[in-house]
Protein backbone atom coordinates (compact mmCIF):
# COMPACT_ATOMS: atom_id res chain seq x y z
CA MET A 1 165.68 79.55 93.50
CA PRO A 2 163.79 76.27 94.62
CA ALA A 3 160.32 76.62 95.90
CA ARG A 4 160.13 77.59 99.52
CA ARG A 5 157.22 76.97 102.21
CA PRO A 6 156.70 80.14 104.21
CA GLY A 7 157.62 79.85 107.87
CA PRO A 8 156.44 82.08 110.78
CA LEU A 9 157.02 85.74 109.90
CA LEU A 10 157.98 88.07 112.47
CA PHE A 11 156.93 91.84 112.72
CA GLY A 12 159.93 94.10 113.88
CA ALA A 13 159.85 97.38 115.39
CA LEU A 14 159.23 100.39 112.96
CA VAL A 15 160.11 103.97 112.74
CA VAL A 16 157.79 105.75 110.53
CA VAL A 17 157.58 109.35 109.69
CA SER A 18 153.95 110.32 109.06
CA ALA A 19 152.96 112.12 106.05
CA CYS A 20 150.84 114.49 108.06
CA GLY A 21 153.32 115.02 110.91
CA SER A 22 155.43 118.02 111.01
CA PRO A 23 158.44 117.51 108.69
CA ALA A 24 161.78 117.52 110.35
CA PRO A 25 164.54 119.59 108.72
CA GLY A 26 165.56 117.91 105.51
CA PRO A 27 169.26 116.44 104.85
CA PRO A 28 171.46 118.12 102.40
CA PRO A 29 170.92 117.79 98.82
CA LEU A 30 171.94 114.61 97.15
CA PRO A 31 175.61 114.52 95.96
CA ALA A 32 176.18 115.32 92.31
CA PRO A 33 177.42 112.38 89.89
CA THR A 34 181.25 111.99 89.72
CA SER A 35 181.24 112.36 85.88
CA GLU A 36 179.16 112.73 83.05
CA SER A 37 179.85 109.13 81.87
CA THR A 38 178.28 107.62 85.35
CA VAL A 39 174.52 106.96 85.79
CA ASP A 40 173.00 110.00 87.10
CA SER A 41 171.70 108.75 90.64
CA THR A 42 170.30 111.97 91.52
CA ALA A 43 167.31 113.82 90.06
CA PRO A 44 167.88 116.32 87.35
CA SER A 45 167.34 119.91 88.54
CA VAL A 46 164.37 121.81 87.60
CA SER A 47 164.73 125.04 85.72
CA ALA A 48 164.77 128.19 87.47
CA THR A 49 162.30 129.89 85.05
CA SER A 50 159.58 127.12 85.09
CA GLU A 51 156.62 127.21 87.16
CA PRO A 52 157.59 124.87 90.13
CA ALA A 53 155.62 121.70 90.21
CA PRO A 54 154.14 120.59 93.55
CA VAL A 55 156.16 117.90 95.37
CA VAL A 56 154.25 114.51 95.45
CA ALA A 57 153.14 113.62 98.93
CA VAL A 58 154.79 110.22 99.85
CA ARG A 59 151.34 109.10 101.31
CA ASP A 60 149.66 109.75 97.99
CA VAL A 61 152.24 107.16 96.45
CA VAL A 62 151.82 104.64 99.17
CA ASP A 63 147.86 104.95 98.64
CA ALA A 64 148.16 104.66 94.67
CA ALA A 65 149.98 101.35 94.92
CA GLU A 66 147.72 99.88 97.62
CA GLY A 67 144.57 101.14 95.79
CA ALA A 68 145.83 98.99 92.80
CA MET A 69 146.29 95.76 94.72
CA PRO A 70 144.22 92.82 93.40
CA PRO A 71 142.51 90.53 95.55
CA GLY A 72 144.42 87.99 97.27
CA MET A 73 147.59 89.59 96.89
CA THR A 74 149.68 89.91 100.23
CA LEU A 75 151.66 93.60 99.61
CA GLY A 76 154.22 95.46 101.68
CA VAL A 77 154.71 98.89 100.41
CA ALA A 78 156.92 101.64 101.62
CA VAL A 79 157.94 104.82 99.87
CA LEU A 80 160.66 107.22 101.12
CA ASP A 81 161.36 110.82 99.89
CA VAL A 82 165.31 110.60 99.90
CA ASP A 83 165.21 114.38 99.90
CA THR A 84 163.20 115.16 102.98
CA GLY A 85 163.76 111.71 104.60
CA GLU A 86 160.02 111.37 105.04
CA LEU A 87 158.94 107.67 104.82
CA VAL A 88 155.40 106.33 104.71
CA GLU A 89 154.50 102.58 105.06
CA GLY A 90 151.61 100.95 103.92
CA ARG A 91 149.46 98.63 105.92
CA LEU A 92 152.00 95.86 105.46
CA GLY A 93 155.09 98.00 105.05
CA GLY A 94 156.61 96.58 108.12
CA ARG A 95 155.74 92.98 107.64
CA GLN A 96 158.53 90.51 107.19
CA PHE A 97 158.89 88.97 103.79
CA MET A 98 161.71 86.46 102.48
CA ALA A 99 164.18 88.79 100.73
CA ALA A 100 165.17 86.38 98.00
CA SER A 101 167.37 88.14 95.51
CA LEU A 102 166.98 91.44 97.48
CA SER A 103 169.78 90.06 99.74
CA LYS A 104 172.12 90.67 97.06
CA LEU A 105 171.72 94.26 97.47
CA ILE A 106 172.47 94.22 101.11
CA VAL A 107 175.43 92.12 100.54
CA VAL A 108 176.78 94.61 97.97
CA VAL A 109 176.22 97.54 100.25
CA ASP A 110 178.34 95.72 102.99
CA MET A 111 181.19 95.02 100.62
CA PHE A 112 181.63 98.67 99.62
CA ASP A 113 180.92 100.03 103.01
CA ARG A 114 183.74 97.80 104.59
CA ARG A 115 186.05 98.75 101.75
CA ARG A 116 185.73 102.41 102.89
CA SER A 117 185.67 101.78 106.63
CA GLU A 118 188.01 99.14 107.09
CA GLY A 119 190.10 99.36 103.98
CA ARG A 120 189.16 95.80 102.64
CA GLU A 121 190.19 95.03 99.02
CA ILE A 122 187.56 93.83 96.46
CA ALA A 123 188.90 92.27 93.56
CA GLU A 124 188.25 93.06 90.21
CA ALA A 125 186.78 89.91 89.38
CA ASP A 126 184.39 90.12 92.48
CA LEU A 127 183.43 93.59 91.21
CA LYS A 128 182.33 91.79 87.89
CA LEU A 129 180.31 89.43 90.04
CA VAL A 130 178.73 92.46 91.80
CA ASP A 131 177.47 93.66 88.44
CA ARG A 132 175.96 90.14 87.42
CA ALA A 133 174.35 89.83 90.96
CA LEU A 134 172.69 93.15 90.52
CA SER A 135 172.09 93.36 86.69
CA SER A 136 171.34 89.75 85.94
CA SER A 137 170.31 88.57 89.26
CA ASP A 138 172.91 86.03 88.88
CA ASP A 139 172.58 83.34 91.86
CA GLY A 140 175.72 81.83 91.09
CA ALA A 141 177.60 85.35 91.38
CA MET A 142 175.76 85.96 94.82
CA SER A 143 176.40 82.62 96.03
CA ALA A 144 180.31 83.35 95.50
CA LEU A 145 180.03 86.67 96.96
CA TRP A 146 177.90 85.42 100.04
CA GLY A 147 180.97 82.99 100.78
CA ARG A 148 184.04 85.27 100.26
CA TYR A 149 182.41 88.54 101.94
CA ASP A 150 180.85 86.96 105.09
CA GLY A 151 177.08 87.15 103.94
CA LEU A 152 175.44 86.34 107.26
CA GLY A 153 177.77 88.85 108.84
CA ALA A 154 177.00 91.35 106.04
CA VAL A 155 173.27 91.29 106.60
CA ARG A 156 173.91 91.62 110.38
CA ARG A 157 176.09 94.77 109.89
CA VAL A 158 173.93 96.45 107.39
CA ALA A 159 170.95 96.15 109.73
CA GLY A 160 172.92 97.24 112.77
CA GLN A 161 174.42 100.14 110.89
CA LEU A 162 171.18 101.58 109.41
CA GLY A 163 168.86 100.39 112.50
CA LEU A 164 166.96 98.03 110.33
CA THR A 165 165.24 95.78 113.11
CA ALA A 166 163.54 93.48 110.72
CA THR A 167 166.13 92.50 108.53
CA ARG A 168 167.74 89.50 109.48
CA PRO A 169 170.13 86.77 108.27
CA PRO A 170 168.75 83.37 107.16
CA ASP A 171 168.95 80.41 109.86
CA ASP A 172 170.84 78.41 107.40
CA HIS A 173 174.04 79.69 106.41
CA GLY A 174 174.01 78.79 103.07
CA GLU A 175 170.42 79.85 101.96
CA TRP A 176 171.13 83.73 101.32
CA GLY A 177 167.56 83.95 99.79
CA ASP A 178 165.93 82.99 103.21
CA THR A 179 167.08 86.53 104.61
CA THR A 180 164.13 88.17 105.91
CA THR A 181 163.26 92.04 105.29
CA THR A 182 160.50 94.56 105.08
CA ALA A 183 159.46 97.18 102.49
CA GLY A 184 160.33 99.83 105.32
CA ASP A 185 163.92 98.59 105.47
CA ILE A 186 164.79 98.02 101.90
CA VAL A 187 163.89 101.92 101.03
CA ARG A 188 166.26 102.72 104.14
CA ILE A 189 168.94 100.78 102.38
CA TYR A 190 168.42 102.75 99.28
CA GLN A 191 168.63 106.07 101.36
CA HIS A 192 171.84 104.86 102.51
CA ILE A 193 173.11 104.04 99.06
CA LEU A 194 172.00 107.68 97.92
CA ARG A 195 172.92 109.62 100.79
CA ASP A 196 175.86 108.06 102.69
CA MET A 197 177.92 105.73 100.38
CA ALA A 198 180.83 107.17 98.64
CA ALA A 199 180.30 108.73 95.25
CA ALA A 200 182.00 106.09 93.32
CA ASP A 201 180.38 103.27 95.18
CA ARG A 202 177.12 104.72 94.75
CA ASP A 203 177.55 105.26 91.10
CA ALA A 204 178.63 101.52 90.69
CA VAL A 205 175.43 100.32 92.63
CA VAL A 206 173.13 102.34 90.57
CA ALA A 207 175.01 101.60 87.23
CA ALA A 208 174.47 97.88 87.97
CA LEU A 209 170.97 98.26 88.71
CA ALA A 210 170.17 100.70 85.92
CA ALA A 211 171.64 97.93 83.49
CA ALA A 212 169.13 95.34 84.70
CA GLN A 213 168.69 92.87 81.98
CA PRO A 214 165.48 92.08 80.14
CA VAL A 215 165.83 88.40 81.38
CA ALA A 216 167.73 87.10 84.34
CA THR A 217 170.34 84.27 84.23
CA ASP A 218 167.73 81.85 85.32
CA GLY A 219 165.49 82.67 82.38
CA PHE A 220 163.14 84.88 84.50
CA ALA A 221 161.91 88.17 82.84
CA GLN A 222 162.87 91.05 84.96
CA TYR A 223 160.81 93.82 83.45
CA TYR A 224 158.01 94.20 85.90
CA GLY A 225 156.78 96.23 88.87
CA LEU A 226 159.04 99.41 88.89
CA LEU A 227 160.63 98.25 85.93
CA GLY A 228 157.68 97.51 83.68
CA PRO A 229 159.03 100.26 81.16
CA GLY A 230 162.43 98.91 81.58
CA PRO A 231 165.46 100.54 83.72
CA SER A 232 166.50 104.04 83.11
CA ALA A 233 168.39 106.79 84.85
CA GLN A 234 165.23 107.88 86.22
CA ARG A 235 164.10 104.32 87.56
CA TYR A 236 166.02 101.50 88.48
CA ALA A 237 165.26 98.38 90.73
CA LYS A 238 166.37 95.35 92.15
CA GLN A 239 163.81 92.30 91.29
CA ALA A 240 163.32 89.14 93.50
CA TRP A 241 161.00 86.22 92.67
CA VAL A 242 160.85 82.58 93.88
CA PRO A 243 157.96 80.05 93.64
CA TRP A 244 156.28 80.09 96.96
CA ALA A 245 154.29 76.90 97.91
CA PRO A 246 151.32 76.78 98.39
CA ALA A 247 150.82 80.56 97.81
CA GLY A 248 152.07 80.60 94.16
CA HIS A 249 154.65 83.46 94.03
CA LEU A 250 156.86 85.70 96.05
CA LEU A 251 157.37 88.65 93.77
CA HIS A 252 159.35 91.98 94.77
CA SER A 253 160.30 95.04 93.12
CA ALA A 254 162.32 97.68 94.88
CA GLY A 255 164.29 100.73 93.90
CA VAL A 256 164.44 104.27 92.99
CA VAL A 257 162.36 106.78 91.04
CA HIS A 258 163.25 110.19 90.14
CA ASP A 259 160.56 112.95 89.78
CA THR A 260 162.11 115.02 86.99
CA ARG A 261 159.32 117.73 87.45
CA THR A 262 160.15 118.41 91.04
CA GLY A 263 163.69 117.20 91.27
CA HIS A 264 162.76 114.79 94.20
CA THR A 265 164.17 111.35 94.40
CA TYR A 266 161.83 108.57 95.95
CA ALA A 267 162.80 104.98 97.17
CA MET A 268 160.09 102.58 96.72
CA ALA A 269 159.79 98.91 97.77
CA LEU A 270 157.00 96.64 96.65
CA LEU A 271 156.93 93.31 98.39
CA SER A 272 154.37 90.78 97.48
CA ILE A 273 153.09 87.02 97.80
CA GLN A 274 150.76 86.19 95.19
CA PRO A 275 148.02 83.57 94.83
CA ARG A 276 148.91 80.73 92.59
CA THR A 277 149.11 81.87 89.26
CA SER A 278 151.52 81.72 86.28
CA ALA A 279 154.75 83.82 86.58
CA GLN A 280 153.63 86.21 83.86
CA ALA A 281 150.34 86.81 85.64
CA ALA A 282 152.19 87.51 88.80
CA ARG A 283 154.35 90.14 86.87
CA ASP A 284 151.55 91.61 85.42
CA ARG A 285 149.89 92.13 88.72
CA LEU A 286 152.86 93.63 90.32
CA THR A 287 153.25 96.12 87.30
CA ALA A 288 149.56 97.18 87.64
CA VAL A 289 150.11 97.78 91.11
CA ALA A 290 153.41 99.92 90.56
CA ALA A 291 151.86 101.81 87.64
CA PRO A 292 149.60 104.43 89.39
CA ALA A 293 152.35 104.93 91.95
CA MET A 294 154.85 105.72 89.23
CA GLY A 295 152.47 107.58 87.40
CA LEU A 296 152.21 110.16 90.24
CA LEU A 297 155.94 110.68 90.04
CA GLY A 298 155.86 111.14 86.13
CA ALA A 299 157.43 107.74 85.44
CA GLY A 300 154.34 105.83 84.08
CA SER A 301 154.79 102.21 83.78
CA THR A 302 153.55 99.79 80.93
CA GLY A 303 153.41 96.13 80.71
CA GLY A 304 156.56 94.16 81.26
CA THR A 305 158.28 91.92 79.21
CA ARG A 306 156.57 88.43 78.57
């Protein structure tokens, strides 16, 4: 994407469940995969004979990420325990950021939801574009989907359906990357994918994210942040990046981490604006932020692809 100059950023209303509050009754268990051939979008069960591991507190995961933030980075963090519904946002978890390629996930969710609710067909060729948009972050594929499936309306519909008060479409119809969102809103979208979408649709989204390629179609290395060790059935994410004048780089990593020790599933979003530096340095910095948070969840991160 071309370099952008940041415009005024708005702060939307938030609904956050405090880690220290009284937990509400949890939602029903995550649905099981439809077949062994699909990517497992739910956490593996814990053996009944093993000593139960303590569930990691959502607040601890947020604190671990924010504690690793280097000087000068603007970082929005949010983590949601999909099994309990508990959401904790960091200090800037409700700050609006340019979504860049995270808008691809929003449009795909709307496509699948409307297919179920309104009977709208999705051509086989467009399903291939979905895979390219999510796994290779193909901008051409996204532009085609944005035009064919009412991208502006898609952002509004998903935001309205899920109560995402800070996710808004771009002012310029054609600039899908200028969609704005927050870390808190993005983890709510992942909760919707895992909890509410039809199993086949959920598995299609997860499979595409878990197939993230080392290098995107524009040549940008994608294995950083939550994908520092690469994608797997235990962790998958949508990455986003764009040169950001004059700050340097806008770099996001947002996805899902399964804690196989406890069976809990966590949606995590790390949205950042970084001081002027090389693309690889920016990737390494966000990977360093993700590493302690993922380590708490038993999915430790290493350095990304260069």
